[in-house]
């Protein structure tokens, strides 16, 4: 129940802060969920799609900063369109990664969520 209330609050906050000119109806709307830590070397990034928009979605996934580079991982084939996630088991180094975000790519645009701390 608490998660549902937080989700509703986030949706209202996001949509009330954006005007039609800033966020067209054709864009997908989604939020990055809180990071899930499995153990000291494994994590799960996840995102929830609120609206798919009117443009055809061709890819979605995650991006994260690692040392001085930005890494991308598509999860388009492994996930359903209303939620998507990425599990990293390969010795994830928390000290070298500070932020992550979700992305959805349509035929015309790439839309990113805000950067979230790791």
C-alpha atoms as a PDB file:
ATOM      1  CA  UNK A   1       0.000   0.000   0.000  1.00  0.00           C
ATOM      2  CA  UNK A   2       2.832   2.376   0.888  1.00  0.00           C
ATOM      3  CA  UNK A   3       4.446   1.772  -2.527  1.00  0.00           C
ATOM      4  CA  UNK A   4       1.153   2.528  -4.283  1.00  0.00           C
ATOM      5  CA  UNK A   5       0.819   5.844  -2.439  1.00  0.00           C
ATOM      6  CA  UNK A   6       4.415   6.781  -3.271  1.00  0.00           C
ATOM      7  CA  UNK A   7       3.877   5.819  -6.922  1.00  0.00           C
ATOM      8  CA  UNK A   8       0.715   7.929  -7.164  1.00  0.00           C
ATOM      9  CA  UNK A   9       2.516  10.873  -5.555  1.00  0.00           C
ATOM     10  CA  UNK A  10       5.420  10.542  -8.001  1.00  0.00           C
ATOM     11  CA  UNK A  11       3.091  10.379 -11.001  1.00  0.00           C
ATOM     12  CA  UNK A  12       1.203  13.477  -9.864  1.00  0.00           C
ATOM     13  CA  UNK A  13       4.455  15.305  -9.142  1.00  0.00           C
ATOM     14  CA  UNK A  14       5.981  14.426 -12.500  1.00  0.00           C
ATOM     15  CA  UNK A  15       2.930  15.243 -14.579  1.00  0.00           C
ATOM     16  CA  UNK A  16       2.128  18.463 -12.717  1.00  0.00           C
ATOM     17  CA  UNK A  17       5.666  19.810 -13.249  1.00  0.00           C
ATOM     18  CA  UNK A  18       5.683  19.313 -16.998  1.00  0.00           C
ATOM     19  CA  UNK A  19       3.755  21.383 -19.482  1.00  0.00           C
ATOM     20  CA  UNK A  20       2.549  19.992 -22.803  1.00  0.00           C
ATOM     21  CA  UNK A  21       5.326  21.881 -24.580  1.00  0.00           C
ATOM     22  CA  UNK A  22       7.997  20.251 -22.406  1.00  0.00           C
ATOM     23  CA  UNK A  23       6.672  16.700 -22.580  1.00  0.00           C
ATOM     24  CA  UNK A  24       4.655  15.847 -25.692  1.00  0.00           C
ATOM     25  CA  UNK A  25       1.879  13.270 -25.560  1.00  0.00           C
ATOM     26  CA  UNK A  26       3.837  11.139 -28.032  1.00  0.00           C
ATOM     27  CA  UNK A  27       6.637  10.537 -25.491  1.00  0.00           C
ATOM     28  CA  UNK A  28       6.534   7.560 -23.112  1.00  0.00           C
ATOM     29  CA  UNK A  29       6.225   8.352 -19.402  1.00  0.00           C
ATOM     30  CA  UNK A  30       8.113   6.148 -16.962  1.00  0.00           C
ATOM     31  CA  UNK A  31       9.858   6.234 -13.591  1.00  0.00           C
ATOM     32  CA  UNK A  32      13.038   4.635 -12.350  1.00  0.00           C
ATOM     33  CA  UNK A  33      12.343   2.452  -9.321  1.00  0.00           C
ATOM     34  CA  UNK A  34      14.542   2.264  -6.273  1.00  0.00           C
ATOM     35  CA  UNK A  35      17.697   0.231  -6.788  1.00  0.00           C
ATOM     36  CA  UNK A  36      17.589  -3.337  -5.413  1.00  0.00           C
ATOM     37  CA  UNK A  37      20.804  -4.641  -3.904  1.00  0.00           C
ATOM     38  CA  UNK A  38      21.036  -8.438  -4.013  1.00  0.00           C
ATOM     39  CA  UNK A  39      24.443  -8.706  -2.351  1.00  0.00           C
ATOM     40  CA  UNK A  40      27.744  -6.807  -2.294  1.00  0.00           C
ATOM     41  CA  UNK A  41      28.377  -7.508  -5.998  1.00  0.00           C
ATOM     42  CA  UNK A  42      24.881  -7.766  -7.563  1.00  0.00           C
ATOM     43  CA  UNK A  43      22.137  -5.196  -8.180  1.00  0.00           C
ATOM     44  CA  UNK A  44      18.838  -4.778 -10.020  1.00  0.00           C
ATOM     45  CA  UNK A  45      17.844  -1.634 -11.898  1.00  0.00           C
ATOM     46  CA  UNK A  46      14.112  -1.393 -12.677  1.00  0.00           C
ATOM     47  CA  UNK A  47      11.601   1.021 -14.160  1.00  0.00           C
ATOM     48  CA  UNK A  48       7.820   1.250 -14.419  1.00  0.00           C
ATOM     49  CA  UNK A  49       6.118   2.506 -17.570  1.00  0.00           C
ATOM     50  CA  UNK A  50       3.170   4.792 -16.832  1.00  0.00           C
ATOM     51  CA  UNK A  51       2.286   5.504 -20.466  1.00  0.00           C
ATOM     52  CA  UNK A  52       3.840   4.202 -23.683  1.00  0.00           C
ATOM     53  CA  UNK A  53       2.978   7.402 -25.576  1.00  0.00           C
ATOM     54  CA  UNK A  54       1.925   7.368 -29.205  1.00  0.00           C
ATOM     55  CA  UNK A  55       5.280   6.695 -30.868  1.00  0.00           C
ATOM     56  CA  UNK A  56       6.378   3.103 -31.479  1.00  0.00           C
ATOM     57  CA  UNK A  57       8.879   1.910 -28.841  1.00  0.00           C
ATOM     58  CA  UNK A  58      11.905   0.238 -30.405  1.00  0.00           C
ATOM     59  CA  UNK A  59      14.183  -0.194 -27.364  1.00  0.00           C
ATOM     60  CA  UNK A  60      14.442   0.353 -23.617  1.00  0.00           C
ATOM     61  CA  UNK A  61      17.055  -0.220 -20.987  1.00  0.00           C
ATOM     62  CA  UNK A  62      19.402   1.407 -18.516  1.00  0.00           C
ATOM     63  CA  UNK A  63      22.399   3.649 -18.494  1.00  0.00           C
ATOM     64  CA  UNK A  64      24.862   4.066 -15.641  1.00  0.00           C
ATOM     65  CA  UNK A  65      28.057   5.905 -14.927  1.00  0.00           C
ATOM     66  CA  UNK A  66      31.079   3.722 -14.279  1.00  0.00           C
ATOM     67  CA  UNK A  67      34.300   5.560 -13.445  1.00  0.00           C
ATOM     68  CA  UNK A  68      34.598   8.078 -16.296  1.00  0.00           C
ATOM     69  CA  UNK A  69      32.359   6.351 -18.837  1.00  0.00           C
ATOM     70  CA  UNK A  70      28.637   5.889 -19.359  1.00  0.00           C
ATOM     71  CA  UNK A  71      27.469   2.316 -19.986  1.00  0.00           C
ATOM     72  CA  UNK A  72      24.215   1.247 -21.681  1.00  0.00           C
ATOM     73  CA  UNK A  73      22.295  -2.020 -21.529  1.00  0.00           C
ATOM     74  CA  UNK A  74      19.211  -2.773 -23.603  1.00  0.00           C
ATOM     75  CA  UNK A  75      16.626  -5.074 -22.021  1.00  0.00           C
ATOM     76  CA  UNK A  76      14.086  -4.820 -24.841  1.00  0.00           C
ATOM     77  CA  UNK A  77      13.808  -8.559 -25.581  1.00  0.00           C
ATOM     78  CA  UNK A  78      13.784  -9.782 -21.968  1.00  0.00           C
ATOM     79  CA  UNK A  79      11.033  -7.618 -20.479  1.00  0.00           C
ATOM     80  CA  UNK A  80       7.361  -6.752 -20.832  1.00  0.00           C
ATOM     81  CA  UNK A  81       6.398  -3.223 -21.913  1.00  0.00           C
ATOM     82  CA  UNK A  82       4.895  -2.028 -18.604  1.00  0.00           C
ATOM     83  CA  UNK A  83       7.949  -2.799 -16.472  1.00  0.00           C
ATOM     84  CA  UNK A  84      11.558  -3.525 -17.250  1.00  0.00           C
ATOM     85  CA  UNK A  85      14.629  -4.445 -15.237  1.00  0.00           C
ATOM     86  CA  UNK A  86      18.286  -5.343 -15.483  1.00  0.00           C
ATOM     87  CA  UNK A  87      20.158  -7.585 -13.058  1.00  0.00           C
ATOM     88  CA  UNK A  88      23.909  -7.183 -12.918  1.00  0.00           C
ATOM     89  CA  UNK A  89      25.764 -10.099 -11.309  1.00  0.00           C
ATOM     90  CA  UNK A  90      29.202  -9.373 -12.683  1.00  0.00           C
ATOM     91  CA  UNK A  91      31.060  -7.938  -9.699  1.00  0.00           C
ATOM     92  CA  UNK A  92      29.294  -4.612  -9.711  1.00  0.00           C
ATOM     93  CA  UNK A  93      31.606  -2.071  -8.121  1.00  0.00           C
ATOM     94  CA  UNK A  94      29.493   0.336  -6.072  1.00  0.00           C
ATOM     95  CA  UNK A  95      32.439   2.626  -5.341  1.00  0.00           C
ATOM     96  CA  UNK A  96      33.016   3.239  -9.066  1.00  0.00           C
ATOM     97  CA  UNK A  97      29.359   3.731 -10.048  1.00  0.00           C
ATOM     98  CA  UNK A  98      27.399   6.698  -8.716  1.00  0.00           C
ATOM     99  CA  UNK A  99      24.238   7.140 -10.827  1.00  0.00           C
ATOM    100  CA  UNK A 100      21.860   5.259 -13.137  1.00  0.00           C
ATOM    101  CA  UNK A 101      18.773   6.019 -15.193  1.00  0.00           C
ATOM    102  CA  UNK A 102      16.284   4.284 -17.465  1.00  0.00           C
ATOM    103  CA  UNK A 103      15.704   5.102 -21.114  1.00  0.00           C
ATOM    104  CA  UNK A 104      13.040   4.362 -23.711  1.00  0.00           C
ATOM    105  CA  UNK A 105      13.823   4.801 -27.391  1.00  0.00           C
ATOM    106  CA  UNK A 106      11.046   5.402 -29.901  1.00  0.00           C
ATOM    107  CA  UNK A 107      11.329   5.663 -33.676  1.00  0.00           C
ATOM    108  CA  UNK A 108      11.862   9.433 -33.304  1.00  0.00           C
ATOM    109  CA  UNK A 109      13.220  10.131 -29.798  1.00  0.00           C
ATOM    110  CA  UNK A 110      15.142   8.764 -26.850  1.00  0.00           C
ATOM    111  CA  UNK A 111      13.567   9.692 -23.507  1.00  0.00           C
ATOM    112  CA  UNK A 112      15.555   9.408 -20.259  1.00  0.00           C
ATOM    113  CA  UNK A 113      14.498   9.342 -16.640  1.00  0.00           C
ATOM    114  CA  UNK A 114      16.332  11.458 -14.104  1.00  0.00           C
ATOM    115  CA  UNK A 115      19.661  10.188 -12.812  1.00  0.00           C
ATOM    116  CA  UNK A 116      19.182   8.214  -9.581  1.00  0.00           C
ATOM    117  CA  UNK A 117      21.931   7.542  -7.028  1.00  0.00           C
ATOM    118  CA  UNK A 118      23.424   4.094  -6.626  1.00  0.00           C
END
